[in-house]
Structure formats: C-alpha cells, structure tokens
Amino acid sequence: MRFNPAGTILYGRSQAQLQADLVAAQNAYGQLMIGGFTVSVAYEGKSVTYLPGQEGKLAEYINMLQRQLGNRAAGRRALRPMFR
C-alpha cells in the first residue's frame, strides 16, 4: 500500500509549516531523551505535552511528519535475491 499524503490529518499544511513542526518535534524528542521531565510541541495553536515514557508517541508524530514531507519511505520493501 502506497502512502497518500492527501489522506492524513496534516494535508493542507505548507512544506514550511511541516518542516517547522518537524524541527520542533525533533528538538522535543531530544530533550525528552536527555532527561527532560516534560516537553511541549505546539502546532496550529494547539499544544501537546509529552512525559517520560511517551517517547514512542512523539516518535510516531515525527515519523508522520517525515512521511508527509516525503523524507521517509512509507514502509519496508521485501528484499529479493539477485542472481547474476
């Protein structure tokens, strides 16, 4: 199944907005991983606070932003042997 950017909740946001959100989320992830107790990520006038132990949710958000920007493949492809 191919990734369809028009099918996500991020559809309609500009590349610049998505890139700014990605940088903020990656910075928040870094802070959380080095011992920050809480980190907040804001977008579209909303704010989400992540606590230690919620790194997975923040990583999912980062992955979604990367896919929307086209920076990440939608999924792994099967490896096929090549014979010469």
PDB file of N, CA and C in Angstrom:
ATOM      1  N   MET A   1       0.837  -1.176   0.000  1.00  0.00           N
ATOM      2  CA  MET A   1       0.000   0.000   0.000  1.00  0.00           C
ATOM      3  C   MET A   1       0.883   1.240   0.000  1.00  0.00           C
ATOM      4  N   ARG A   2       0.628   2.134  -0.906  1.00  0.00           N
ATOM      5  CA  ARG A   2       1.433   3.343  -1.026  1.00  0.00           C
ATOM      6  C   ARG A   2       0.914   4.429  -0.085  1.00  0.00           C
ATOM      7  N   PHE A   3       1.823   5.258   0.399  1.00  0.00           N
ATOM      8  CA  PHE A   3       1.466   6.368   1.271  1.00  0.00           C
ATOM      9  C   PHE A   3       0.794   7.461   0.461  1.00  0.00           C
ATOM     10  N   ASN A   4      -0.317   7.951   0.948  1.00  0.00           N
ATOM     11  CA  ASN A   4      -1.058   9.018   0.289  1.00  0.00           C
ATOM     12  C   ASN A   4      -1.072  10.240   1.196  1.00  0.00           C
ATOM     13  N   PRO A   5      -0.266  11.282   0.890  1.00  0.00           N
ATOM     14  CA  PRO A   5      -0.217  12.469   1.745  1.00  0.00           C
ATOM     15  C   PRO A   5      -1.568  13.157   1.890  1.00  0.00           C
ATOM     16  N   ALA A   6      -2.428  13.034   0.890  1.00  0.00           N
ATOM     17  CA  ALA A   6      -3.738  13.677   0.954  1.00  0.00           C
ATOM     18  C   ALA A   6      -4.665  12.970   1.937  1.00  0.00           C
ATOM     19  N   GLY A   7      -4.282  11.801   2.396  1.00  0.00           N
ATOM     20  CA  GLY A   7      -5.120  11.042   3.303  1.00  0.00           C
ATOM     21  C   GLY A   7      -4.758  11.206   4.769  1.00  0.00           C
ATOM     22  N   THR A   8      -3.919  12.168   5.107  1.00  0.00           N
ATOM     23  CA  THR A   8      -3.523  12.355   6.505  1.00  0.00           C
ATOM     24  C   THR A   8      -4.133  13.632   7.069  1.00  0.00           C
ATOM     25  N   ILE A   9      -4.097  13.742   8.392  1.00  0.00           N
ATOM     26  CA  ILE A   9      -4.625  14.945   9.028  1.00  0.00           C
ATOM     27  C   ILE A   9      -3.716  16.152   8.811  1.00  0.00           C
ATOM     28  N   LEU A  10      -2.524  15.919   8.305  1.00  0.00           N
ATOM     29  CA  LEU A  10      -1.591  17.016   8.043  1.00  0.00           C
ATOM     30  C   LEU A  10      -1.767  17.602   6.647  1.00  0.00           C
ATOM     31  N   TYR A  11      -2.644  17.031   5.849  1.00  0.00           N
ATOM     32  CA  TYR A  11      -2.841  17.504   4.479  1.00  0.00           C
ATOM     33  C   TYR A  11      -3.299  18.966   4.491  1.00  0.00           C
ATOM     34  N   GLY A  12      -2.713  19.747   3.612  1.00  0.00           N
ATOM     35  CA  GLY A  12      -3.075  21.154   3.502  1.00  0.00           C
ATOM     36  C   GLY A  12      -2.083  22.087   4.172  1.00  0.00           C
ATOM     37  N   ARG A  13      -1.223  21.541   5.009  1.00  0.00           N
ATOM     38  CA  ARG A  13      -0.197  22.381   5.639  1.00  0.00           C
ATOM     39  C   ARG A  13       0.942  22.568   4.646  1.00  0.00           C
ATOM     40  N   SER A  14       1.523  23.739   4.674  1.00  0.00           N
ATOM     41  CA  SER A  14       2.615  24.031   3.743  1.00  0.00           C
ATOM     42  C   SER A  14       3.870  23.262   4.140  1.00  0.00           C
ATOM     43  N   GLN A  15       4.781  23.136   3.182  1.00  0.00           N
ATOM     44  CA  GLN A  15       6.059  22.461   3.449  1.00  0.00           C
ATOM     45  C   GLN A  15       6.801  23.181   4.572  1.00  0.00           C
ATOM     46  N   ALA A  16       6.748  24.510   4.572  1.00  0.00           N
ATOM     47  CA  ALA A  16       7.442  25.284   5.612  1.00  0.00           C
ATOM     48  C   ALA A  16       6.849  25.007   6.990  1.00  0.00           C
ATOM     49  N   GLN A  17       5.514  24.900   7.083  1.00  0.00           N
ATOM     50  CA  GLN A  17       4.867  24.603   8.359  1.00  0.00           C
ATOM     51  C   GLN A  17       5.230  23.201   8.830  1.00  0.00           C
ATOM     52  N   LEU A  18       5.197  22.254   7.906  1.00  0.00           N
ATOM     53  CA  LEU A  18       5.546  20.881   8.255  1.00  0.00           C
ATOM     54  C   LEU A  18       6.993  20.777   8.708  1.00  0.00           C
ATOM     55  N   GLN A  19       7.881  21.485   8.022  1.00  0.00           N
ATOM     56  CA  GLN A  19       9.302  21.446   8.379  1.00  0.00           C
ATOM     57  C   GLN A  19       9.521  22.068   9.755  1.00  0.00           C
ATOM     58  N   ALA A  20       8.837  23.173  10.047  1.00  0.00           N
ATOM     59  CA  ALA A  20       8.955  23.814  11.369  1.00  0.00           C
ATOM     60  C   ALA A  20       8.427  22.879  12.459  1.00  0.00           C
ATOM     61  N   ASP A  21       7.311  22.197  12.182  1.00  0.00           N
ATOM     62  CA  ASP A  21       6.762  21.240  13.147  1.00  0.00           C
ATOM     63  C   ASP A  21       7.732  20.088  13.381  1.00  0.00           C
ATOM     64  N   LEU A  22       8.372  19.622  12.315  1.00  0.00           N
ATOM     65  CA  LEU A  22       9.321  18.518  12.422  1.00  0.00           C
ATOM     66  C   LEU A  22      10.516  18.919  13.289  1.00  0.00           C
ATOM     67  N   VAL A  23      11.053  20.100  13.065  1.00  0.00           N
ATOM     68  CA  VAL A  23      12.195  20.567  13.859  1.00  0.00           C
ATOM     69  C   VAL A  23      11.804  20.679  15.329  1.00  0.00           C
ATOM     70  N   ALA A  24      10.621  21.232  15.607  1.00  0.00           N
ATOM     71  CA  ALA A  24      10.161  21.369  16.994  1.00  0.00           C
ATOM     72  C   ALA A  24       9.985  20.005  17.650  1.00  0.00           C
ATOM     73  N   ALA A  25       9.410  19.057  16.910  1.00  0.00           N
ATOM     74  CA  ALA A  25       9.189  17.719  17.463  1.00  0.00           C
ATOM     75  C   ALA A  25      10.514  17.002  17.706  1.00  0.00           C
ATOM     76  N   GLN A  26      11.463  17.148  16.783  1.00  0.00           N
ATOM     77  CA  GLN A  26      12.765  16.506  16.969  1.00  0.00           C
ATOM     78  C   GLN A  26      13.514  17.120  18.148  1.00  0.00           C
ATOM     79  N   ASN A  27      13.415  18.430  18.318  1.00  0.00           N
ATOM     80  CA  ASN A  27      14.044  19.077  19.473  1.00  0.00           C
ATOM     81  C   ASN A  27      13.416  18.589  20.770  1.00  0.00           C
ATOM     82  N   ALA A  28      12.089  18.473  20.780  1.00  0.00           N
ATOM     83  CA  ALA A  28      11.393  17.994  21.970  1.00  0.00           C
ATOM     84  C   ALA A  28      11.800  16.551  22.280  1.00  0.00           C
ATOM     85  N   TYR A  29      11.925  15.731  21.243  1.00  0.00           N
ATOM     86  CA  TYR A  29      12.338  14.341  21.434  1.00  0.00           C
ATOM     87  C   TYR A  29      13.731  14.287  22.043  1.00  0.00           C
ATOM     88  N   GLY A  30      14.621  15.107  21.543  1.00  0.00           N
ATOM     89  CA  GLY A  30      15.981  15.166  22.090  1.00  0.00           C
ATOM     90  C   GLY A  30      15.977  15.564  23.556  1.00  0.00           C
ATOM     91  N   GLN A  31      15.177  16.564  23.902  1.00  0.00           N
ATOM     92  CA  GLN A  31      15.099  16.994  25.296  1.00  0.00           C
ATOM     93  C   GLN A  31      14.543  15.891  26.190  1.00  0.00           C
ATOM     94  N   LEU A  32      13.533  15.198  25.703  1.00  0.00           N
ATOM     95  CA  LEU A  32      12.936  14.113  26.479  1.00  0.00           C
ATOM     96  C   LEU A  32      13.931  12.980  26.686  1.00  0.00           C
ATOM     97  N   MET A  33      14.720  12.686  25.662  1.00  0.00           N
ATOM     98  CA  MET A  33      15.672  11.586  25.749  1.00  0.00           C
ATOM     99  C   MET A  33      16.859  11.903  26.662  1.00  0.00           C
ATOM    100  N   ILE A  34      17.175  13.180  26.846  1.00  0.00           N
ATOM    101  CA  ILE A  34      18.302  13.508  27.730  1.00  0.00           C
ATOM    102  C   ILE A  34      17.839  13.857  29.138  1.00  0.00           C
ATOM    103  N   GLY A  35      16.603  13.499  29.448  1.00  0.00           N
ATOM    104  CA  GLY A  35      16.162  13.630  30.832  1.00  0.00           C
ATOM    105  C   GLY A  35      15.176  14.734  31.105  1.00  0.00           C
ATOM    106  N   GLY A  36      14.644  15.363  30.079  1.00  0.00           N
ATOM    107  CA  GLY A  36      13.622  16.378  30.319  1.00  0.00           C
ATOM    108  C   GLY A  36      12.384  15.724  30.929  1.00  0.00           C
ATOM    109  N   PHE A  37      11.790  16.389  31.896  1.00  0.00           N
ATOM    110  CA  PHE A  37      10.636  15.800  32.568  1.00  0.00           C
ATOM    111  C   PHE A  37       9.363  15.935  31.734  1.00  0.00           C
ATOM    112  N   THR A  38       9.190  17.065  31.105  1.00  0.00           N
ATOM    113  CA  THR A  38       8.071  17.250  30.192  1.00  0.00           C
ATOM    114  C   THR A  38       8.543  18.119  29.043  1.00  0.00           C
ATOM    115  N   VAL A  39       8.017  17.872  27.875  1.00  0.00           N
ATOM    116  CA  VAL A  39       8.294  18.714  26.718  1.00  0.00           C
ATOM    117  C   VAL A  39       6.970  18.976  26.022  1.00  0.00           C
ATOM    118  N   SER A  40       6.855  20.142  25.418  1.00  0.00           N
ATOM    119  CA  SER A  40       5.632  20.502  24.718  1.00  0.00           C
ATOM    120  C   SER A  40       5.938  20.791  23.261  1.00  0.00           C
ATOM    121  N   VAL A  41       5.015  20.389  22.401  1.00  0.00           N
ATOM    122  CA  VAL A  41       5.115  20.657  20.976  1.00  0.00           C
ATOM    123  C   VAL A  41       3.832  21.371  20.592  1.00  0.00           C
ATOM    124  N   ALA A  42       3.966  22.528  19.930  1.00  0.00           N
ATOM    125  CA  ALA A  42       2.793  23.307  19.537  1.00  0.00           C
ATOM    126  C   ALA A  42       2.648  23.312  18.025  1.00  0.00           C
ATOM    127  N   TYR A  43       1.418  23.222  17.566  1.00  0.00           N
ATOM    128  CA  TYR A  43       1.122  23.348  16.147  1.00  0.00           C
ATOM    129  C   TYR A  43      -0.331  23.786  16.002  1.00  0.00           C
ATOM    130  N   GLU A  44      -0.582  24.637  15.028  1.00  0.00           N
ATOM    131  CA  GLU A  44      -1.915  25.157  14.731  1.00  0.00           C
ATOM    132  C   GLU A  44      -2.619  25.683  15.970  1.00  0.00           C
ATOM    133  N   GLY A  45      -1.899  26.374  16.828  1.00  0.00           N
ATOM    134  CA  GLY A  45      -2.490  26.948  18.024  1.00  0.00           C
ATOM    135  C   GLY A  45      -2.782  25.946  19.128  1.00  0.00           C
ATOM    136  N   LYS A  46      -2.377  24.702  18.960  1.00  0.00           N
ATOM    137  CA  LYS A  46      -2.581  23.664  19.967  1.00  0.00           C
ATOM    138  C   LYS A  46      -1.229  23.270  20.531  1.00  0.00           C
ATOM    139  N   SER A  47      -1.244  22.737  21.723  1.00  0.00           N
ATOM    140  CA  SER A  47      -0.005  22.282  22.345  1.00  0.00           C
ATOM    141  C   SER A  47      -0.219  20.890  22.921  1.00  0.00           C
ATOM    142  N   VAL A  48       0.771  20.042  22.725  1.00  0.00           N
ATOM    143  CA  VAL A  48       0.742  18.695  23.277  1.00  0.00           C
ATOM    144  C   VAL A  48       1.953  18.549  24.177  1.00  0.00           C
ATOM    145  N   THR A  49       1.741  18.036  25.374  1.00  0.00           N
ATOM    146  CA  THR A  49       2.835  17.825  26.316  1.00  0.00           C
ATOM    147  C   THR A  49       3.128  16.336  26.405  1.00  0.00           C
ATOM    148  N   TYR A  50       4.404  16.005  26.271  1.00  0.00           N
ATOM    149  CA  TYR A  50       4.844  14.612  26.365  1.00  0.00           C
ATOM    150  C   TYR A  50       5.628  14.435  27.647  1.00  0.00           C
ATOM    151  N   LEU A  51       5.440  13.309  28.289  1.00  0.00           N
ATOM    152  CA  LEU A  51       6.111  12.968  29.539  1.00  0.00           C
ATOM    153  C   LEU A  51       7.089  11.825  29.295  1.00  0.00           C
ATOM    154  N   PRO A  52       8.043  11.628  30.210  1.00  0.00           N
ATOM    155  CA  PRO A  52       8.912  10.456  30.075  1.00  0.00           C
ATOM    156  C   PRO A  52       8.062   9.193  29.964  1.00  0.00           C
ATOM    157  N   GLY A  53       8.447   8.309  29.070  1.00  0.00           N
ATOM    158  CA  GLY A  53       7.690   7.103  28.827  1.00  0.00           C
ATOM    159  C   GLY A  53       6.775   7.227  27.614  1.00  0.00           C
ATOM    160  N   GLN A  54       6.648   8.451  27.078  1.00  0.00           N
ATOM    161  CA  GLN A  54       5.815   8.668  25.898  1.00  0.00           C
ATOM    162  C   GLN A  54       6.661   8.964  24.659  1.00  0.00           C
ATOM    163  N   GLU A  55       7.906   8.541  24.697  1.00  0.00           N
ATOM    164  CA  GLU A  55       8.796   8.782  23.562  1.00  0.00           C
ATOM    165  C   GLU A  55       8.248   8.162  22.288  1.00  0.00           C
ATOM    166  N   GLY A  56       7.589   7.026  22.421  1.00  0.00           N
ATOM    167  CA  GLY A  56       7.033   6.330  21.263  1.00  0.00           C
ATOM    168  C   GLY A  56       5.989   7.159  20.532  1.00  0.00           C
ATOM    169  N   LYS A  57       5.128   7.829  21.280  1.00  0.00           N
ATOM    170  CA  LYS A  57       4.102   8.672  20.654  1.00  0.00           C
ATOM    171  C   LYS A  57       4.739   9.842  19.923  1.00  0.00           C
ATOM    172  N   LEU A  58       5.749  10.432  20.534  1.00  0.00           N
ATOM    173  CA  LEU A  58       6.443  11.552  19.892  1.00  0.00           C
ATOM    174  C   LEU A  58       7.191  11.066  18.653  1.00  0.00           C
ATOM    175  N   ALA A  59       7.782   9.890  18.719  1.00  0.00           N
ATOM    176  CA  ALA A  59       8.475   9.323  17.561  1.00  0.00           C
ATOM    177  C   ALA A  59       7.491   9.047  16.421  1.00  0.00           C
ATOM    178  N   GLU A  60       6.278   8.591  16.753  1.00  0.00           N
ATOM    179  CA  GLU A  60       5.248   8.372  15.726  1.00  0.00           C
ATOM    180  C   GLU A  60       4.889   9.681  15.031  1.00  0.00           C
ATOM    181  N   TYR A  61       4.763  10.745  15.808  1.00  0.00           N
ATOM    182  CA  TYR A  61       4.445  12.057  15.242  1.00  0.00           C
ATOM    183  C   TYR A  61       5.571  12.519  14.313  1.00  0.00           C
ATOM    184  N   ILE A  62       6.818  12.325  14.738  1.00  0.00           N
ATOM    185  CA  ILE A  62       7.969  12.684  13.904  1.00  0.00           C
ATOM    186  C   ILE A  62       7.947  11.880  12.610  1.00  0.00           C
ATOM    187  N   ASN A  63       7.670  10.589  12.700  1.00  0.00           N
ATOM    188  CA  ASN A  63       7.597   9.726  11.522  1.00  0.00           C
ATOM    189  C   ASN A  63       6.499  10.206  10.571  1.00  0.00           C
ATOM    190  N   MET A  64       5.344  10.573  11.117  1.00  0.00           N
ATOM    191  CA  MET A  64       4.241  11.050  10.288  1.00  0.00           C
ATOM    192  C   MET A  64       4.636  12.340   9.552  1.00  0.00           C
ATOM    193  N   LEU A  65       5.314  13.252  10.244  1.00  0.00           N
ATOM    194  CA  LEU A  65       5.771  14.488   9.606  1.00  0.00           C
ATOM    195  C   LEU A  65       6.783  14.192   8.507  1.00  0.00           C
ATOM    196  N   GLN A  66       7.712  13.277   8.786  1.00  0.00           N
ATOM    197  CA  GLN A  66       8.720  12.923   7.783  1.00  0.00           C
ATOM    198  C   GLN A  66       8.079  12.314   6.550  1.00  0.00           C
ATOM    199  N   ARG A  67       7.101  11.459   6.748  1.00  0.00           N
ATOM    200  CA  ARG A  67       6.420  10.851   5.608  1.00  0.00           C
ATOM    201  C   ARG A  67       5.644  11.896   4.815  1.00  0.00           C
ATOM    202  N   GLN A  68       5.001  12.826   5.502  1.00  0.00           N
ATOM    203  CA  GLN A  68       4.235  13.876   4.827  1.00  0.00           C
ATOM    204  C   GLN A  68       5.164  14.750   3.984  1.00  0.00           C
ATOM    205  N   LEU A  69       6.372  14.968   4.483  1.00  0.00           N
ATOM    206  CA  LEU A  69       7.363  15.762   3.753  1.00  0.00           C
ATOM    207  C   LEU A  69       8.058  14.966   2.659  1.00  0.00           C
ATOM    208  N   GLY A  70       7.839  13.659   2.639  1.00  0.00           N
ATOM    209  CA  GLY A  70       8.489  12.818   1.637  1.00  0.00           C
ATOM    210  C   GLY A  70       9.900  12.427   2.017  1.00  0.00           C
ATOM    211  N   ASN A  71      10.255  12.601   3.299  1.00  0.00           N
ATOM    212  CA  ASN A  71      11.602  12.290   3.771  1.00  0.00           C
ATOM    213  C   ASN A  71      11.762  10.848   4.208  1.00  0.00           C
ATOM    214  N   ARG A  72      10.695  10.111   4.221  1.00  0.00           N
ATOM    215  CA  ARG A  72      10.761   8.744   4.750  1.00  0.00           C
ATOM    216  C   ARG A  72       9.901   7.843   3.879  1.00  0.00           C
ATOM    217  N   ALA A  73      10.390   6.668   3.625  1.00  0.00           N
ATOM    218  CA  ALA A  73       9.626   5.700   2.836  1.00  0.00           C
ATOM    219  C   ALA A  73       8.393   5.261   3.618  1.00  0.00           C
ATOM    220  N   ALA A  74       7.351   4.932   2.915  1.00  0.00           N
ATOM    221  CA  ALA A  74       6.092   4.529   3.550  1.00  0.00           C
ATOM    222  C   ALA A  74       6.216   3.197   4.280  1.00  0.00           C
ATOM    223  N   GLY A  75       7.104   2.369   3.864  1.00  0.00           N
ATOM    224  CA  GLY A  75       7.267   1.072   4.514  1.00  0.00           C
ATOM    225  C   GLY A  75       8.451   0.344   3.925  1.00  0.00           C
ATOM    226  N   ARG A  76       8.771  -0.759   4.514  1.00  0.00           N
ATOM    227  CA  ARG A  76       9.905  -1.533   4.012  1.00  0.00           C
ATOM    228  C   ARG A  76       9.472  -2.366   2.828  1.00  0.00           C
ATOM    229  N   ARG A  77      10.341  -2.461   1.892  1.00  0.00           N
ATOM    230  CA  ARG A  77      10.101  -3.332   0.750  1.00  0.00           C
ATOM    231  C   ARG A  77      10.744  -4.680   1.034  1.00  0.00           C
ATOM    232  N   ALA A  78      10.159  -5.695   0.471  1.00  0.00           N
ATOM    233  CA  ALA A  78      10.712  -7.037   0.640  1.00  0.00           C
ATOM    234  C   ALA A  78      12.054  -7.118  -0.084  1.00  0.00           C
ATOM    235  N   LEU A  79      13.000  -7.756   0.537  1.00  0.00           N
ATOM    236  CA  LEU A  79      14.295  -7.980  -0.087  1.00  0.00           C
ATOM    237  C   LEU A  79      14.197  -9.189  -1.000  1.00  0.00           C
ATOM    238  N   ARG A  80      14.700  -9.045  -2.192  1.00  0.00           N
ATOM    239  CA  ARG A  80      14.662 -10.136  -3.144  1.00  0.00           C
ATOM    240  C   ARG A  80      16.086 -10.486  -3.551  1.00  0.00           C
ATOM    241  N   PRO A  81      16.377 -11.752  -3.627  1.00  0.00           N
ATOM    242  CA  PRO A  81      17.740 -12.126  -4.041  1.00  0.00           C
ATOM    243  C   PRO A  81      17.975 -11.773  -5.515  1.00  0.00           C
ATOM    244  N   MET A  82      19.185 -11.392  -5.796  1.00  0.00           N
ATOM    245  CA  MET A  82      19.563 -11.086  -7.180  1.00  0.00           C
ATOM    246  C   MET A  82      20.580 -12.121  -7.623  1.00  0.00           C
ATOM    247  N   PHE A  83      20.320 -12.754  -8.740  1.00  0.00           N
ATOM    248  CA  PHE A  83      21.228 -13.750  -9.285  1.00  0.00           C
ATOM    249  C   PHE A  83      21.877 -13.190 -10.531  1.00  0.00           C
ATOM    250  N   ARG A  84      23.155 -13.435 -10.661  1.00  0.00           N
ATOM    251  CA  ARG A  84      23.873 -12.939 -11.840  1.00  0.00           C
ATOM    252  C   ARG A  84      24.331 -14.075 -12.699  1.00  0.00           C
TER     253      ARG A  84
END
